[in-house]
Each structure stands twice: as structure tokens, then as C-alpha cells.
Amino acid sequence: MFEKFLEYQSLDSQLLKLERQLMGDPSRQNIAKLSTVIRNLQSKLIELDNEAEKATREFEKLSGEYEKKKDLLQSMNKNKDISVETLQSQISSLNALVGELSSMERVLSSRAESISNILKNFDYCKTSIVTNKEKYRMCKEKSSSIEGTLLPQIEKVRGELLSMEKSLDSKFLAHYKRLRQSNVWPVFVPLRNNACGGCAMGLSSALLNKVHSNGYIECEQCGRFIYD
């Protein structure tokens, strides 16, 4: 009985190897990473676009206020008919206006620099998206090539396994699949130095006699089938 299961396990081992080879493909893993990078860059672009729009509105509003105050200062300076008394009363207003203009110039300069930095980051993100999309395309082509080679082999082995299952004991097969899904591998192991060939647990004399008489036992520690 175990000869068929060992043949089945050997074929299943080939399937595991092929699946690990497919899942471990670096280009396949890079596709997932690049997808995340591109999504994050696209989100950043939207965020920067909103920031640039907001900063531009604030800059334009501040520029308008600055021009109004600048015009007001010029009109006050052009008024030559103003009396000395009136001029003296307006000196403090003029000084305050000049101070406001000076402060606004600094703010405008800071806002302009902020907008410039936003636009630089925006251009950087756009360039990065183009670069990463090209990398994604190359990885996708390579991954598709590997899939084209491995997937037919995987499907072939799966078909052979399904065909073999028809002649296997359903109880043992169900146990086998439970252990396989739990990453207990291999499931059928030989008796090795009076111990389980999987987890290396030593067997008592009674269990050894059972292995020799029945041809197999189920390991009490790992659940594998130990065959003689």
C-alpha cells in the first residue's frame, strides 16, 4: 500500500518544487512591490496637486492684498497738496503700511518657494511613476515567460496526482492532505535509527514492534506515517 503512497508523495514533491519555484520568482515578487510603489506615487501626485492648488490660491490672494497696499502707499506719497499737520498724523499709518508690505513680501517669498518645492516633488513623482511602470512592464514580461514554462508542468503534475488518488485509500489520503496543508512534510517517512524519520522522536519497544508487525504507525508527536 505504501508503495503507491510513496510514489504519490514523490510526485507531490515535484509539484511543491514547481510551485515554490513559481512563487519564489523574483520578478513575480517585484511586480507586487512595484504595484505598491506606483499606487503610492499616484496618491502622492494627487496630494501634491491639491497642495499646489491651495498654495497658489493663497499666493494669489496675498499678492492681491499686497498690490492694493502698495497702490495705497503710492497714492499717499503722490499727494503733494497734503498739509504738514495731515502728513504728521499719517506718518504712523505710513510706517505701519511700510511694515506690512515688508512682512507681506517675506511671506510671498516663502509661499513662492513652497510652491516651487511642491512642483519639484510633483515632477519627481511623475518621473518616478514612468520609471517604475517600465520596471513593472519588464518584470511582467519576465514573469509571464516563467509562468508560461512552469504552469503547464504544474497542471500536468496536478492531473497525474488526481488520477493516482482514485486508487489510494481515502482515509490515508485525507490524513495526508491535512498534514500537507499544515506544512508537515514529508508525510510518509521511514523508520530511521528506531526513530521517526520526520521529527526524530525515538520509538518505544512496543511501537517498534507495532511498526514491524503492521508495516507502519502514526507518529505520536508529528502525526506522520512511519513505515518499516
Foldseek 3Di string as FASTA:
>chain_A
DVVLVVVLLVLVVVLVVLVCCLVVPPLVVVLVVLVVVLVVLVVLLVVLVVVLVVLVVVLVVLVVVLVVLVVVLVVVVPPPVDDPVVCVVCPVVSVVSVVVNVVSVVVSVVSVVVSVVSVVSNVVSVVVSVVSVVSSVVSVVVSVVSCVVRVVVSVVSVVVSVVSVVVDDPVVVVLCVVLVVVVQPDQEAEQDPCAGRRPRHHDDPVVVVVQVVVQWDQDPPSRGIYGD
